[in-house]
C-alpha cells in the first residue's frame, strides 16, 4: 500500500502543483486582506475537493456509461499525464495544470476567485481529474487501495491549502527558479509513470499479441 500511496501522492502533486497554485494565488489576490485570502483559499480548496472526489468515486460509472474500457483509460490517461510532464520538465504553462493567460486576465477582474479559476481549473484541472479517475480505476474495486488513493489526494489538497495560506512566503522563498526546479523534478517522475500507464494500457488492449 505504501507504493500505491507514493505513486498517487506524486501523481496528484504533479497534476495539481501546490507550489504553482500558491504562487498564482498570491499573484491573483494582491489587494485582498489576510482574512479574505484565508476564506478564498479554504472555499476554493473545498470546492476542488468535492469535484475531484466526485470523479474519483464515480469515475468508474462514467466510464461504463460511455463504454470506455480500462485499457483505453490507462492509455489516454498516460498520454495526458505525459503531456503535462513535458510541460513541467520544460517549465511551460498549459491548461493541463494551470490557468491560461486569458483565464488569468478574467480572474483579475473578479473580487472572489475561489470558484474560478482557483477551484477549477487551477486545483481541479483536467490533469488532476484524469489522474483521479485513472488511479481509482487501477484499484479495480479494492476499497483499501481506493481509500489509499483518496487519502493521497486529500493529503495533496491539504498541502495545497497550507501553501496558499502562506502563499507570499512560499513565492519569496522559492522564487521563479525554485518553482521551476520543483516542477522539473516532479515532471521527470510523472513522465516515467505516464509511459508505464501507456505501456500497460496497450498491453491490456490486445492490440499487440
N, C-alpha and C. Protein backbone atom coordinates (compact mmCIF):
# COMPACT_ATOMS: atom_id res chain seq x y z
N UNK A 1 0.82 -1.22 0.00
CA UNK A 1 0.00 0.00 0.00
C UNK A 1 0.86 1.27 0.00
N UNK A 2 2.07 1.15 0.57
CA UNK A 2 2.95 2.31 0.61
C UNK A 2 3.32 2.75 -0.81
N UNK A 3 3.57 1.76 -1.68
CA UNK A 3 3.92 2.09 -3.07
C UNK A 3 2.75 2.79 -3.77
N UNK A 4 1.54 2.28 -3.55
CA UNK A 4 0.35 2.89 -4.15
C UNK A 4 0.17 4.32 -3.64
N UNK A 5 0.38 4.51 -2.34
CA UNK A 5 0.23 5.83 -1.75
C UNK A 5 1.25 6.81 -2.32
N UNK A 6 2.51 6.36 -2.48
CA UNK A 6 3.56 7.23 -3.01
C UNK A 6 3.29 7.60 -4.47
N UNK A 7 2.88 6.60 -5.27
CA UNK A 7 2.58 6.86 -6.68
C UNK A 7 1.42 7.85 -6.79
N UNK A 8 0.37 7.62 -6.00
CA UNK A 8 -0.80 8.50 -6.04
C UNK A 8 -0.43 9.91 -5.58
N UNK A 9 0.35 10.01 -4.51
CA UNK A 9 0.73 11.32 -3.99
C UNK A 9 1.55 12.10 -5.02
N UNK A 10 2.54 11.44 -5.62
CA UNK A 10 3.40 12.11 -6.60
C UNK A 10 2.60 12.51 -7.84
N UNK A 11 1.65 11.65 -8.25
CA UNK A 11 0.83 11.96 -9.43
C UNK A 11 -0.05 13.17 -9.17
N UNK A 12 -0.72 13.19 -8.02
CA UNK A 12 -1.58 14.33 -7.69
C UNK A 12 -0.75 15.59 -7.44
N UNK A 13 0.42 15.42 -6.84
CA UNK A 13 1.28 16.57 -6.59
C UNK A 13 1.70 17.20 -7.92
N UNK A 14 1.99 16.35 -8.91
CA UNK A 14 2.41 16.85 -10.21
C UNK A 14 1.26 17.49 -10.98
N UNK A 15 0.08 16.87 -10.94
CA UNK A 15 -1.04 17.38 -11.73
C UNK A 15 -1.70 18.61 -11.09
N UNK A 16 -1.70 18.68 -9.77
CA UNK A 16 -2.26 19.86 -9.09
C UNK A 16 -1.21 20.96 -8.97
N UNK A 17 0.02 20.57 -8.61
CA UNK A 17 1.10 21.55 -8.50
C UNK A 17 0.91 22.55 -7.38
N UNK A 18 0.92 22.11 -6.11
CA UNK A 18 0.71 23.03 -4.97
C UNK A 18 1.60 24.28 -4.97
N UNK A 19 2.91 24.19 -5.24
CA UNK A 19 3.73 25.42 -5.26
C UNK A 19 3.27 26.41 -6.33
N UNK A 20 2.92 25.89 -7.51
CA UNK A 20 2.44 26.76 -8.59
C UNK A 20 1.12 27.40 -8.22
N UNK A 21 0.22 26.60 -7.62
CA UNK A 21 -1.07 27.14 -7.19
C UNK A 21 -0.87 28.26 -6.19
N UNK A 22 0.04 28.05 -5.23
CA UNK A 22 0.31 29.07 -4.22
C UNK A 22 0.85 30.35 -4.84
N UNK A 23 1.76 30.20 -5.80
CA UNK A 23 2.35 31.38 -6.45
C UNK A 23 1.30 32.15 -7.24
N UNK A 24 0.45 31.44 -7.98
CA UNK A 24 -0.61 32.09 -8.75
C UNK A 24 -1.66 32.71 -7.83
N UNK A 25 -1.93 32.02 -6.72
CA UNK A 25 -2.89 32.54 -5.75
C UNK A 25 -2.40 33.88 -5.19
N UNK A 26 -1.11 33.96 -4.90
CA UNK A 26 -0.54 35.21 -4.40
C UNK A 26 -0.64 36.31 -5.45
N UNK A 27 -0.43 35.93 -6.72
CA UNK A 27 -0.47 36.91 -7.80
C UNK A 27 -1.88 37.41 -8.07
N UNK A 28 -2.88 36.55 -7.81
CA UNK A 28 -4.28 36.90 -8.11
C UNK A 28 -4.97 37.60 -6.95
N UNK A 29 -4.36 37.61 -5.76
CA UNK A 29 -5.01 38.23 -4.60
C UNK A 29 -4.12 39.29 -3.94
N UNK A 30 -3.51 40.18 -4.71
CA UNK A 30 -2.61 41.17 -4.09
C UNK A 30 -3.34 42.23 -3.28
N UNK A 31 -4.62 42.47 -3.61
CA UNK A 31 -5.38 43.53 -2.94
C UNK A 31 -6.30 43.01 -1.85
N UNK A 32 -6.30 41.70 -1.61
CA UNK A 32 -7.16 41.12 -0.58
C UNK A 32 -6.47 41.15 0.78
N UNK A 33 -7.27 41.26 1.82
CA UNK A 33 -6.72 41.21 3.18
C UNK A 33 -6.37 39.77 3.52
N UNK A 34 -5.63 39.59 4.61
CA UNK A 34 -5.23 38.24 5.04
C UNK A 34 -6.46 37.38 5.34
N UNK A 35 -7.47 37.99 5.94
CA UNK A 35 -8.70 37.25 6.26
C UNK A 35 -9.42 36.82 4.99
N UNK A 36 -9.48 37.72 4.01
CA UNK A 36 -10.13 37.38 2.74
C UNK A 36 -9.37 36.28 2.01
N UNK A 37 -8.05 36.33 2.06
CA UNK A 37 -7.23 35.29 1.42
C UNK A 37 -7.50 33.92 2.04
N UNK A 38 -7.57 33.89 3.37
CA UNK A 38 -7.84 32.62 4.05
C UNK A 38 -9.20 32.05 3.62
N UNK A 39 -10.20 32.93 3.56
CA UNK A 39 -11.55 32.49 3.19
C UNK A 39 -11.58 31.98 1.74
N UNK A 40 -10.92 32.70 0.85
CA UNK A 40 -10.88 32.31 -0.56
C UNK A 40 -10.14 30.98 -0.73
N UNK A 41 -9.00 30.84 -0.05
CA UNK A 41 -8.20 29.62 -0.15
C UNK A 41 -8.98 28.41 0.36
N UNK A 42 -9.66 28.56 1.50
CA UNK A 42 -10.42 27.47 2.09
C UNK A 42 -11.60 27.09 1.20
N UNK A 43 -12.34 28.09 0.73
CA UNK A 43 -13.50 27.83 -0.12
C UNK A 43 -13.08 27.16 -1.43
N UNK A 44 -12.02 27.67 -2.05
CA UNK A 44 -11.53 27.10 -3.30
C UNK A 44 -11.08 25.66 -3.14
N UNK A 45 -10.38 25.37 -2.04
CA UNK A 45 -9.90 24.01 -1.79
C UNK A 45 -11.06 23.05 -1.56
N UNK A 46 -12.08 23.49 -0.81
CA UNK A 46 -13.24 22.64 -0.53
C UNK A 46 -14.00 22.31 -1.81
N UNK A 47 -14.20 23.32 -2.66
CA UNK A 47 -14.91 23.09 -3.92
C UNK A 47 -14.11 22.14 -4.82
N UNK A 48 -12.81 22.37 -4.92
CA UNK A 48 -11.96 21.50 -5.73
C UNK A 48 -11.96 20.07 -5.18
N UNK A 49 -11.97 19.94 -3.85
CA UNK A 49 -12.01 18.61 -3.23
C UNK A 49 -13.28 17.88 -3.63
N UNK A 50 -14.40 18.59 -3.61
CA UNK A 50 -15.68 17.99 -4.00
C UNK A 50 -15.65 17.51 -5.44
N UNK A 51 -15.10 18.33 -6.33
CA UNK A 51 -15.02 17.98 -7.75
C UNK A 51 -14.16 16.73 -7.95
N UNK A 52 -12.96 16.73 -7.35
CA UNK A 52 -12.04 15.61 -7.53
C UNK A 52 -12.55 14.33 -6.88
N UNK A 53 -13.17 14.45 -5.71
CA UNK A 53 -13.72 13.26 -5.05
C UNK A 53 -14.88 12.68 -5.85
N UNK A 54 -15.68 13.54 -6.47
CA UNK A 54 -16.79 13.05 -7.31
C UNK A 54 -16.25 12.19 -8.45
N UNK A 55 -15.24 12.70 -9.15
CA UNK A 55 -14.69 11.95 -10.28
C UNK A 55 -13.92 10.72 -9.81
N UNK A 56 -13.31 10.80 -8.63
CA UNK A 56 -12.59 9.64 -8.10
C UNK A 56 -13.55 8.51 -7.75
N UNK A 57 -14.69 8.85 -7.13
CA UNK A 57 -15.63 7.83 -6.65
C UNK A 57 -16.63 7.39 -7.71
N UNK A 58 -16.98 8.27 -8.63
CA UNK A 58 -17.99 7.93 -9.63
C UNK A 58 -17.42 7.89 -11.05
N UNK A 59 -16.10 8.02 -11.16
CA UNK A 59 -15.48 7.99 -12.49
C UNK A 59 -15.70 6.65 -13.19
N UNK A 60 -15.69 5.54 -12.41
CA UNK A 60 -15.90 4.22 -13.00
C UNK A 60 -17.28 4.12 -13.64
N UNK A 61 -18.28 4.70 -12.98
CA UNK A 61 -19.64 4.70 -13.54
C UNK A 61 -19.69 5.49 -14.84
N UNK A 62 -18.98 6.62 -14.87
CA UNK A 62 -18.92 7.44 -16.08
C UNK A 62 -18.30 6.64 -17.22
N UNK A 63 -17.22 5.91 -16.91
CA UNK A 63 -16.55 5.11 -17.94
C UNK A 63 -17.49 4.05 -18.51
N UNK A 64 -18.18 3.34 -17.62
CA UNK A 64 -19.09 2.29 -18.07
C UNK A 64 -20.25 2.88 -18.86
N UNK A 65 -20.73 4.04 -18.45
CA UNK A 65 -21.86 4.68 -19.12
C UNK A 65 -21.50 5.03 -20.57
N UNK A 66 -20.26 5.43 -20.79
CA UNK A 66 -19.82 5.80 -22.13
C UNK A 66 -19.10 4.66 -22.86
N UNK A 67 -19.06 3.49 -22.23
CA UNK A 67 -18.46 2.33 -22.86
C UNK A 67 -16.96 2.41 -23.02
N UNK A 68 -16.28 3.05 -22.07
CA UNK A 68 -14.82 3.21 -22.13
C UNK A 68 -14.17 2.10 -21.31
N UNK A 69 -13.24 1.37 -21.91
CA UNK A 69 -12.56 0.28 -21.22
C UNK A 69 -11.42 0.83 -20.35
N UNK A 70 -10.99 0.01 -19.40
CA UNK A 70 -9.91 0.42 -18.51
C UNK A 70 -8.60 0.57 -19.28
N UNK A 71 -8.38 -0.29 -20.28
CA UNK A 71 -7.15 -0.18 -21.08
C UNK A 71 -7.12 1.12 -21.87
N UNK A 72 -8.29 1.55 -22.37
CA UNK A 72 -8.35 2.82 -23.09
C UNK A 72 -8.10 3.99 -22.14
N UNK A 73 -8.64 3.88 -20.93
CA UNK A 73 -8.43 4.94 -19.94
C UNK A 73 -6.96 5.02 -19.54
N UNK A 74 -6.33 3.85 -19.36
CA UNK A 74 -4.91 3.84 -19.00
C UNK A 74 -4.08 4.52 -20.08
N UNK A 75 -4.37 4.18 -21.34
CA UNK A 75 -3.58 4.74 -22.44
C UNK A 75 -3.83 6.24 -22.57
N UNK A 76 -5.11 6.64 -22.57
CA UNK A 76 -5.45 8.07 -22.70
C UNK A 76 -4.92 8.86 -21.52
N UNK A 77 -5.10 8.31 -20.32
CA UNK A 77 -4.60 8.99 -19.12
C UNK A 77 -3.08 9.11 -19.14
N UNK A 78 -2.42 8.07 -19.64
CA UNK A 78 -0.96 8.12 -19.74
C UNK A 78 -0.50 9.20 -20.70
N UNK A 79 -1.21 9.32 -21.84
CA UNK A 79 -0.85 10.35 -22.82
C UNK A 79 -1.04 11.74 -22.22
N UNK A 80 -2.18 11.94 -21.53
CA UNK A 80 -2.46 13.24 -20.91
C UNK A 80 -1.41 13.58 -19.86
N UNK A 81 -1.08 12.61 -19.01
CA UNK A 81 -0.08 12.85 -17.97
C UNK A 81 1.30 13.09 -18.57
N UNK A 82 1.60 12.42 -19.70
CA UNK A 82 2.88 12.62 -20.36
C UNK A 82 3.00 14.05 -20.90
N UNK A 83 1.91 14.56 -21.49
CA UNK A 83 1.92 15.93 -21.99
C UNK A 83 2.13 16.93 -20.86
N UNK A 84 1.48 16.66 -19.72
CA UNK A 84 1.64 17.53 -18.55
C UNK A 84 3.09 17.45 -18.04
N UNK A 85 3.64 16.23 -18.01
CA UNK A 85 5.01 16.04 -17.54
C UNK A 85 6.00 16.80 -18.42
N UNK A 86 5.77 16.79 -19.73
CA UNK A 86 6.65 17.51 -20.65
C UNK A 86 6.61 19.00 -20.35
N UNK A 87 5.41 19.54 -20.11
CA UNK A 87 5.28 20.96 -19.76
C UNK A 87 6.01 21.27 -18.45
N UNK A 88 5.92 20.35 -17.48
CA UNK A 88 6.58 20.56 -16.19
C UNK A 88 8.11 20.55 -16.36
N UNK A 89 8.62 19.60 -17.13
CA UNK A 89 10.07 19.49 -17.31
C UNK A 89 10.63 20.73 -18.00
N UNK A 90 9.89 21.26 -18.98
CA UNK A 90 10.37 22.43 -19.72
C UNK A 90 9.83 23.74 -19.14
N UNK A 91 9.17 23.63 -17.94
CA UNK A 91 8.66 24.81 -17.23
C UNK A 91 7.76 25.66 -18.12
N UNK A 92 6.87 24.98 -18.86
CA UNK A 92 5.92 25.68 -19.72
C UNK A 92 4.54 25.65 -19.09
N UNK A 93 3.78 26.71 -19.29
CA UNK A 93 2.42 26.77 -18.77
C UNK A 93 1.46 26.22 -19.81
N UNK A 94 0.48 25.45 -19.34
CA UNK A 94 -0.56 24.93 -20.23
C UNK A 94 -1.86 24.85 -19.45
N UNK A 95 -2.95 24.53 -20.14
CA UNK A 95 -4.24 24.42 -19.48
C UNK A 95 -4.40 23.14 -18.69
N UNK A 96 -3.37 22.27 -18.73
CA UNK A 96 -3.48 21.00 -18.02
C UNK A 96 -3.26 21.11 -16.53
N UNK A 97 -2.34 21.96 -16.12
CA UNK A 97 -2.02 22.06 -14.69
C UNK A 97 -2.20 23.47 -14.15
N UNK A 98 -2.40 24.44 -15.01
CA UNK A 98 -2.55 25.81 -14.54
C UNK A 98 -3.55 26.55 -15.42
N UNK A 99 -3.72 27.82 -15.17
CA UNK A 99 -4.65 28.61 -15.96
C UNK A 99 -3.93 29.23 -17.15
N UNK A 100 -4.70 29.54 -18.20
CA UNK A 100 -4.13 30.22 -19.35
C UNK A 100 -4.06 31.71 -19.08
N UNK A 101 -3.37 32.46 -19.94
CA UNK A 101 -3.24 33.91 -19.76
C UNK A 101 -4.60 34.58 -19.85
N UNK A 102 -5.49 34.06 -20.73
CA UNK A 102 -6.83 34.62 -20.86
C UNK A 102 -7.63 34.41 -19.58
N UNK A 103 -7.48 33.22 -18.96
CA UNK A 103 -8.19 32.95 -17.71
C UNK A 103 -7.66 33.81 -16.58
N UNK A 104 -6.35 34.04 -16.54
CA UNK A 104 -5.77 34.92 -15.53
C UNK A 104 -6.29 36.34 -15.67
N UNK A 105 -6.41 36.81 -16.92
CA UNK A 105 -6.91 38.17 -17.17
C UNK A 105 -8.35 38.31 -16.70
N UNK A 106 -9.15 37.28 -16.94
CA UNK A 106 -10.55 37.32 -16.50
C UNK A 106 -10.64 37.25 -14.98
N UNK A 107 -9.78 36.41 -14.37
CA UNK A 107 -9.81 36.26 -12.92
C UNK A 107 -9.39 37.53 -12.21
N UNK A 108 -8.51 38.31 -12.83
CA UNK A 108 -8.02 39.55 -12.22
C UNK A 108 -9.15 40.55 -12.00
N UNK A 109 -10.24 40.42 -12.76
CA UNK A 109 -11.36 41.34 -12.66
C UNK A 109 -12.40 40.86 -11.65
N UNK A 110 -12.22 39.66 -11.10
CA UNK A 110 -13.20 39.09 -10.19
C UNK A 110 -12.79 39.34 -8.74
N UNK A 111 -13.73 39.79 -7.88
CA UNK A 111 -13.41 40.00 -6.47
C UNK A 111 -13.22 38.69 -5.71
N UNK A 112 -13.91 37.62 -6.13
CA UNK A 112 -13.80 36.32 -5.48
C UNK A 112 -13.39 35.29 -6.51
N UNK A 113 -12.16 34.78 -6.38
CA UNK A 113 -11.63 33.84 -7.36
C UNK A 113 -11.72 32.40 -6.87
N UNK A 114 -12.45 32.15 -5.78
CA UNK A 114 -12.45 30.82 -5.16
C UNK A 114 -13.01 29.74 -6.09
N UNK A 115 -14.07 30.08 -6.86
CA UNK A 115 -14.65 29.09 -7.77
C UNK A 115 -13.87 29.04 -9.07
N UNK A 116 -13.72 30.20 -9.70
CA UNK A 116 -12.92 30.31 -10.93
C UNK A 116 -11.93 31.44 -10.77
N UNK A 117 -10.67 31.21 -11.02
CA UNK A 117 -10.06 29.97 -11.54
C UNK A 117 -9.43 29.09 -10.46
N UNK A 118 -9.63 29.40 -9.16
CA UNK A 118 -8.89 28.68 -8.12
C UNK A 118 -9.31 27.21 -8.03
N UNK A 119 -10.60 26.96 -7.73
CA UNK A 119 -11.02 25.57 -7.56
C UNK A 119 -10.92 24.80 -8.86
N UNK A 120 -11.36 25.43 -9.94
CA UNK A 120 -11.22 24.84 -11.27
C UNK A 120 -11.00 25.95 -12.28
N UNK A 121 -9.99 25.89 -13.14
CA UNK A 121 -9.16 24.71 -13.41
C UNK A 121 -7.81 24.67 -12.69
N UNK A 122 -7.57 25.60 -11.74
CA UNK A 122 -6.24 25.68 -11.14
C UNK A 122 -5.93 24.47 -10.27
N UNK A 123 -6.86 24.11 -9.35
CA UNK A 123 -6.63 22.93 -8.50
C UNK A 123 -7.22 21.69 -9.15
N UNK A 124 -8.51 21.70 -9.42
CA UNK A 124 -9.17 20.56 -10.06
C UNK A 124 -9.18 20.76 -11.57
N UNK A 125 -8.00 20.67 -12.17
CA UNK A 125 -7.88 20.81 -13.61
C UNK A 125 -8.06 19.48 -14.32
N UNK A 126 -7.99 19.48 -15.64
CA UNK A 126 -8.17 18.23 -16.39
C UNK A 126 -7.15 17.16 -16.04
N UNK A 127 -5.92 17.57 -15.74
CA UNK A 127 -4.90 16.59 -15.37
C UNK A 127 -5.22 15.90 -14.06
N UNK A 128 -5.63 16.68 -13.05
CA UNK A 128 -5.96 16.11 -11.74
C UNK A 128 -7.21 15.24 -11.82
N UNK A 129 -8.21 15.68 -12.59
CA UNK A 129 -9.44 14.90 -12.75
C UNK A 129 -9.14 13.57 -13.43
N UNK A 130 -8.33 13.63 -14.51
CA UNK A 130 -7.96 12.41 -15.22
C UNK A 130 -7.17 11.46 -14.33
N UNK A 131 -6.27 12.01 -13.52
CA UNK A 131 -5.47 11.19 -12.61
C UNK A 131 -6.34 10.53 -11.56
N UNK A 132 -7.33 11.26 -11.04
CA UNK A 132 -8.23 10.71 -10.01
C UNK A 132 -9.00 9.52 -10.56
N UNK A 133 -9.56 9.68 -11.77
CA UNK A 133 -10.31 8.58 -12.38
C UNK A 133 -9.40 7.39 -12.65
N UNK A 134 -8.23 7.67 -13.21
CA UNK A 134 -7.30 6.60 -13.59
C UNK A 134 -6.79 5.82 -12.40
N UNK A 135 -6.36 6.52 -11.35
CA UNK A 135 -5.78 5.84 -10.19
C UNK A 135 -6.81 5.01 -9.43
N UNK A 136 -8.04 5.52 -9.34
CA UNK A 136 -9.10 4.73 -8.67
C UNK A 136 -9.48 3.54 -9.54
N UNK A 137 -9.53 3.72 -10.86
CA UNK A 137 -9.84 2.60 -11.76
C UNK A 137 -8.77 1.52 -11.65
N UNK A 138 -7.51 1.93 -11.43
CA UNK A 138 -6.41 0.98 -11.28
C UNK A 138 -6.61 0.10 -10.04
N UNK A 139 -7.35 0.60 -9.05
CA UNK A 139 -7.58 -0.16 -7.82
C UNK A 139 -8.50 -1.35 -8.04
N UNK A 140 -9.27 -1.34 -9.15
CA UNK A 140 -10.13 -2.45 -9.54
C UNK A 140 -11.08 -2.90 -8.42
N UNK A 141 -11.69 -1.93 -7.78
CA UNK A 141 -12.72 -2.23 -6.78
C UNK A 141 -12.20 -2.57 -5.40
N UNK A 142 -10.89 -2.59 -5.21
CA UNK A 142 -10.31 -2.87 -3.90
C UNK A 142 -10.45 -1.60 -3.05
N UNK A 143 -11.33 -1.65 -2.05
CA UNK A 143 -11.66 -0.45 -1.29
C UNK A 143 -10.48 0.06 -0.46
N UNK A 144 -9.57 -0.83 -0.06
CA UNK A 144 -8.40 -0.39 0.68
C UNK A 144 -7.49 0.42 -0.23
N UNK A 145 -7.31 -0.04 -1.47
CA UNK A 145 -6.49 0.70 -2.43
C UNK A 145 -7.16 2.02 -2.82
N UNK A 146 -8.49 1.98 -2.97
CA UNK A 146 -9.22 3.21 -3.30
C UNK A 146 -9.07 4.22 -2.17
N UNK A 147 -9.19 3.75 -0.92
CA UNK A 147 -9.03 4.63 0.23
C UNK A 147 -7.63 5.22 0.28
N UNK A 148 -6.62 4.43 -0.13
CA UNK A 148 -5.24 4.90 -0.15
C UNK A 148 -5.08 6.02 -1.17
N UNK A 149 -5.68 5.85 -2.36
CA UNK A 149 -5.62 6.88 -3.40
C UNK A 149 -6.33 8.15 -2.94
N UNK A 150 -7.53 7.98 -2.37
CA UNK A 150 -8.28 9.14 -1.87
C UNK A 150 -7.50 9.85 -0.76
N UNK A 151 -6.88 9.08 0.10
CA UNK A 151 -6.08 9.66 1.18
C UNK A 151 -4.91 10.48 0.62
N UNK A 152 -4.26 9.96 -0.42
CA UNK A 152 -3.16 10.69 -1.06
C UNK A 152 -3.68 11.98 -1.69
N UNK A 153 -4.85 11.90 -2.32
CA UNK A 153 -5.47 13.09 -2.92
C UNK A 153 -5.74 14.15 -1.86
N UNK A 154 -6.34 13.74 -0.75
CA UNK A 154 -6.65 14.69 0.32
C UNK A 154 -5.38 15.27 0.93
N UNK A 155 -4.32 14.46 0.99
CA UNK A 155 -3.05 14.95 1.53
C UNK A 155 -2.47 16.05 0.64
N UNK A 156 -2.54 15.87 -0.68
CA UNK A 156 -2.03 16.88 -1.61
C UNK A 156 -2.89 18.13 -1.54
N UNK A 157 -4.20 17.97 -1.41
CA UNK A 157 -5.09 19.12 -1.28
C UNK A 157 -4.79 19.90 0.00
N UNK A 158 -4.47 19.18 1.08
CA UNK A 158 -4.11 19.83 2.34
C UNK A 158 -2.80 20.61 2.18
N UNK A 159 -1.83 20.01 1.50
CA UNK A 159 -0.56 20.70 1.23
C UNK A 159 -0.83 21.96 0.41
N UNK A 160 -1.71 21.85 -0.57
CA UNK A 160 -2.07 22.99 -1.42
C UNK A 160 -2.66 24.12 -0.59
N UNK A 161 -3.58 23.76 0.31
CA UNK A 161 -4.21 24.77 1.17
C UNK A 161 -3.19 25.44 2.07
N UNK A 162 -2.31 24.65 2.67
CA UNK A 162 -1.29 25.21 3.58
C UNK A 162 -0.38 26.17 2.82
N UNK A 163 0.03 25.78 1.61
CA UNK A 163 0.91 26.64 0.83
C UNK A 163 0.20 27.92 0.40
N UNK A 164 -1.10 27.82 0.11
CA UNK A 164 -1.84 29.03 -0.26
C UNK A 164 -1.96 29.98 0.92
N UNK A 165 -2.14 29.42 2.13
CA UNK A 165 -2.25 30.27 3.32
C UNK A 165 -0.93 31.02 3.58
N UNK A 166 0.17 30.43 3.12
CA UNK A 166 1.46 31.11 3.24
C UNK A 166 2.01 31.45 1.86
N UNK A 167 1.11 31.80 0.94
CA UNK A 167 1.48 31.99 -0.47
C UNK A 167 2.59 33.01 -0.68
N UNK A 168 2.50 34.13 -0.01
CA UNK A 168 3.51 35.18 -0.19
C UNK A 168 4.89 34.71 0.23
N UNK A 169 4.94 34.00 1.36
CA UNK A 169 6.22 33.50 1.87
C UNK A 169 6.78 32.42 0.94
N UNK A 170 5.89 31.55 0.42
CA UNK A 170 6.33 30.49 -0.50
C UNK A 170 6.92 31.09 -1.76
N UNK A 171 6.25 32.11 -2.27
CA UNK A 171 6.70 32.77 -3.50
C UNK A 171 8.08 33.40 -3.30
N UNK A 172 8.26 34.05 -2.15
CA UNK A 172 9.54 34.69 -1.86
C UNK A 172 10.62 33.66 -1.61
N UNK A 173 10.26 32.56 -0.93
CA UNK A 173 11.25 31.54 -0.57
C UNK A 173 11.78 30.80 -1.78
N UNK A 174 10.86 30.33 -2.64
CA UNK A 174 11.27 29.53 -3.79
C UNK A 174 11.69 30.39 -4.98
N UNK A 175 10.95 31.47 -5.20
CA UNK A 175 11.24 32.30 -6.37
C UNK A 175 10.91 31.56 -7.65
N UNK A 176 11.11 32.19 -8.78
CA UNK A 176 10.82 31.57 -10.07
C UNK A 176 11.70 30.34 -10.30
N UNK A 177 12.98 30.47 -10.00
CA UNK A 177 13.91 29.36 -10.22
C UNK A 177 13.56 28.16 -9.35
N UNK A 178 13.23 28.40 -8.09
CA UNK A 178 12.86 27.32 -7.18
C UNK A 178 11.61 26.58 -7.64
N UNK A 179 10.61 27.33 -8.10
CA UNK A 179 9.38 26.71 -8.60
C UNK A 179 9.67 25.84 -9.82
N UNK A 180 10.54 26.32 -10.70
CA UNK A 180 10.89 25.56 -11.89
C UNK A 180 11.66 24.29 -11.56
N UNK A 181 12.53 24.36 -10.54
CA UNK A 181 13.29 23.17 -10.13
C UNK A 181 12.34 22.10 -9.61
N UNK A 182 11.40 22.49 -8.75
CA UNK A 182 10.41 21.55 -8.22
C UNK A 182 9.59 20.95 -9.36
N UNK A 183 9.15 21.79 -10.30
CA UNK A 183 8.34 21.33 -11.42
C UNK A 183 9.09 20.32 -12.28
N UNK A 184 10.37 20.58 -12.52
CA UNK A 184 11.16 19.69 -13.38
C UNK A 184 11.39 18.33 -12.73
N UNK A 185 11.70 18.33 -11.44
CA UNK A 185 11.94 17.06 -10.74
C UNK A 185 10.68 16.21 -10.74
N UNK A 186 9.54 16.83 -10.38
CA UNK A 186 8.27 16.11 -10.37
C UNK A 186 7.88 15.69 -11.78
N UNK A 187 8.18 16.53 -12.77
CA UNK A 187 7.84 16.23 -14.16
C UNK A 187 8.53 14.98 -14.67
N UNK A 188 9.80 14.79 -14.32
CA UNK A 188 10.54 13.60 -14.75
C UNK A 188 9.89 12.33 -14.19
N UNK A 189 9.54 12.37 -12.90
CA UNK A 189 8.89 11.21 -12.26
C UNK A 189 7.54 10.94 -12.90
N UNK A 190 6.77 12.00 -13.15
CA UNK A 190 5.45 11.85 -13.76
C UNK A 190 5.56 11.30 -15.17
N UNK A 191 6.60 11.70 -15.92
CA UNK A 191 6.78 11.22 -17.29
C UNK A 191 6.98 9.70 -17.30
N UNK A 192 7.80 9.20 -16.40
CA UNK A 192 8.04 7.76 -16.32
C UNK A 192 6.76 7.02 -15.95
N UNK A 193 6.00 7.57 -15.02
CA UNK A 193 4.73 6.96 -14.62
C UNK A 193 3.74 6.97 -15.77
N UNK A 194 3.71 8.06 -16.53
CA UNK A 194 2.79 8.18 -17.66
C UNK A 194 3.11 7.15 -18.74
N UNK A 195 4.39 6.96 -19.04
CA UNK A 195 4.80 5.97 -20.04
C UNK A 195 4.41 4.56 -19.59
N UNK A 196 4.54 4.30 -18.28
CA UNK A 196 4.14 2.99 -17.77
C UNK A 196 2.65 2.77 -17.94
N UNK A 197 1.83 3.81 -17.70
CA UNK A 197 0.39 3.71 -17.92
C UNK A 197 0.09 3.40 -19.39
N UNK A 198 0.81 4.06 -20.30
CA UNK A 198 0.60 3.83 -21.73
C UNK A 198 0.95 2.39 -22.09
N UNK A 199 2.10 1.91 -21.61
CA UNK A 199 2.52 0.53 -21.88
C UNK A 199 1.48 -0.46 -21.37
N UNK A 200 1.00 -0.25 -20.13
CA UNK A 200 0.02 -1.16 -19.53
C UNK A 200 -1.29 -1.14 -20.32
N UNK A 201 -1.71 0.06 -20.74
CA UNK A 201 -2.96 0.17 -21.49
C UNK A 201 -2.90 -0.54 -22.82
N UNK A 202 -1.80 -0.37 -23.54
CA UNK A 202 -1.63 -1.02 -24.84
C UNK A 202 -1.54 -2.53 -24.67
N UNK A 203 -0.82 -2.98 -23.64
CA UNK A 203 -0.66 -4.41 -23.39
C UNK A 203 -2.00 -5.07 -23.09
N UNK A 204 -2.85 -4.39 -22.31
CA UNK A 204 -4.13 -4.97 -21.93
C UNK A 204 -5.19 -4.84 -23.03
N UNK A 205 -4.96 -3.99 -24.01
CA UNK A 205 -5.95 -3.78 -25.07
C UNK A 205 -6.03 -4.94 -26.03
N UNK A 206 -4.94 -5.72 -26.11
CA UNK A 206 -4.91 -6.84 -27.04
C UNK A 206 -4.50 -6.44 -28.45
N UNK A 207 -4.13 -5.17 -28.64
CA UNK A 207 -3.73 -4.71 -29.97
C UNK A 207 -2.42 -5.35 -30.41
N UNK A 208 -1.54 -5.59 -29.43
CA UNK A 208 -0.24 -6.22 -29.73
C UNK A 208 -0.23 -7.62 -29.13
N UNK A 209 -0.06 -8.65 -29.95
CA UNK A 209 -0.07 -10.04 -29.44
C UNK A 209 1.03 -10.26 -28.42
